Amino acid sequence: MSTYKPLHCELHDYLEIACLCGYTLDIELTDGQRLAARVITTRTSSMREEFLEVETTDGRQEIRLDHLLAIAPLDKSARFGRVVLGDE
């Protein structure tokens, strides 16, 4: 596994808002994959890596935060639009 690169605090805030509001996000990953998922929570592992726990039609999964390229809420009443989290 590659070395973990923490997400900037101001960008992490968008994930926290999404979790608190239970948003469904369009999630773009750094490897080119894309998925729609309802966000559940974030967590930090014992190795100090941070993850976003999401629920898709295939069930729950965790995504390491430095694998996120961008997020965009699919909820019409969302408090923010598309946010770029990684290097495009």
Protein backbone atom coordinates (compact mmCIF):
# COMPACT_ATOMS: atom_id res chain seq x y z
CA MET A 1 0.00 0.00 0.00
CA SER A 2 1.26 3.51 -0.79
CA THR A 3 2.11 6.10 1.82
CA TYR A 4 -0.97 7.87 3.11
CA LYS A 5 -1.29 11.58 2.28
CA PRO A 6 -3.72 13.31 4.71
CA LEU A 7 -6.54 15.45 3.36
CA HIS A 8 -6.37 19.19 4.13
CA CYS A 9 -8.62 20.14 7.07
CA GLU A 10 -10.81 22.54 5.08
CA LEU A 11 -11.53 19.78 2.55
CA HIS A 12 -12.26 17.27 5.33
CA ASP A 13 -15.03 19.62 6.50
CA TYR A 14 -17.01 18.89 3.31
CA LEU A 15 -16.94 15.17 4.11
CA GLU A 16 -18.12 15.84 7.66
CA ILE A 17 -21.03 17.97 6.36
CA ALA A 18 -21.95 15.21 3.91
CA CYS A 19 -21.91 12.63 6.72
CA LEU A 20 -23.97 14.79 9.09
CA CYS A 21 -26.56 15.46 6.38
CA GLY A 22 -26.57 11.89 5.05
CA TYR A 23 -25.86 13.04 1.50
CA THR A 24 -25.58 10.73 -1.46
CA LEU A 25 -22.44 11.70 -3.35
CA ASP A 26 -21.07 11.25 -6.82
CA ILE A 27 -17.56 10.12 -5.84
CA GLU A 28 -14.65 10.35 -8.28
CA LEU A 29 -11.58 8.30 -7.37
CA THR A 30 -7.97 8.96 -8.33
CA ASP A 31 -7.85 5.71 -10.35
CA GLY A 32 -10.67 6.93 -12.64
CA GLN A 33 -13.50 4.97 -11.01
CA ARG A 34 -16.73 6.73 -10.14
CA LEU A 35 -19.56 5.69 -7.83
CA ALA A 36 -22.73 7.03 -6.29
CA ALA A 37 -22.91 6.30 -2.58
CA ARG A 38 -24.59 7.48 0.60
CA VAL A 39 -21.94 8.63 3.04
CA ILE A 40 -22.06 7.23 6.55
CA THR A 41 -19.00 8.35 8.51
CA THR A 42 -15.26 8.88 8.51
CA ARG A 43 -12.78 6.95 10.60
CA THR A 44 -9.07 6.87 11.34
CA SER A 45 -7.22 3.54 11.40
CA SER A 46 -4.53 2.58 13.90
CA MET A 47 -2.03 3.39 11.12
CA ARG A 48 -3.39 7.00 11.07
CA GLU A 49 -5.02 6.56 7.66
CA GLU A 50 -8.45 8.15 7.22
CA PHE A 51 -11.37 6.45 5.49
CA LEU A 52 -14.83 7.41 4.28
CA GLU A 53 -17.44 4.74 4.95
CA VAL A 54 -20.13 4.69 2.27
CA GLU A 55 -23.11 2.58 1.29
CA THR A 56 -23.75 1.65 -2.34
CA THR A 57 -26.19 -0.77 -3.94
CA ASP A 58 -23.46 -3.41 -3.41
CA GLY A 59 -23.28 -2.75 0.35
CA ARG A 60 -20.92 -0.85 2.63
CA GLN A 61 -17.33 -0.12 1.78
CA GLU A 62 -14.50 2.12 2.94
CA ILE A 63 -12.52 4.47 0.71
CA ARG A 64 -9.18 5.83 1.83
CA LEU A 65 -9.44 9.62 1.73
CA ASP A 66 -6.32 10.11 -0.38
CA HIS A 67 -7.98 7.97 -3.08
CA LEU A 68 -10.75 10.59 -3.47
CA LEU A 69 -10.38 12.95 -6.43
CA ALA A 70 -13.68 14.84 -6.09
CA ILE A 71 -17.14 14.63 -4.55
CA ALA A 72 -20.42 16.17 -5.66
CA PRO A 73 -23.68 15.89 -3.71
CA LEU A 74 -26.60 14.38 -5.60
CA ASP A 75 -29.08 15.89 -3.13
CA LYS A 76 -30.78 18.99 -4.57
CA SER A 77 -30.75 20.77 -1.20
CA ALA A 78 -27.03 20.18 -0.57
CA ARG A 79 -25.01 22.93 1.10
CA PHE A 80 -22.12 22.69 -1.38
CA GLY A 81 -21.40 21.67 -4.96
CA ARG A 82 -18.56 19.67 -6.52
CA VAL A 83 -15.41 19.77 -4.41
CA VAL A 84 -12.01 18.68 -5.73
CA LEU A 85 -10.14 16.84 -2.99
CA GLY A 86 -7.12 15.53 -4.91
CA ASP A 87 -4.94 16.52 -7.83
CA GLU A 88 -6.92 16.64 -11.09
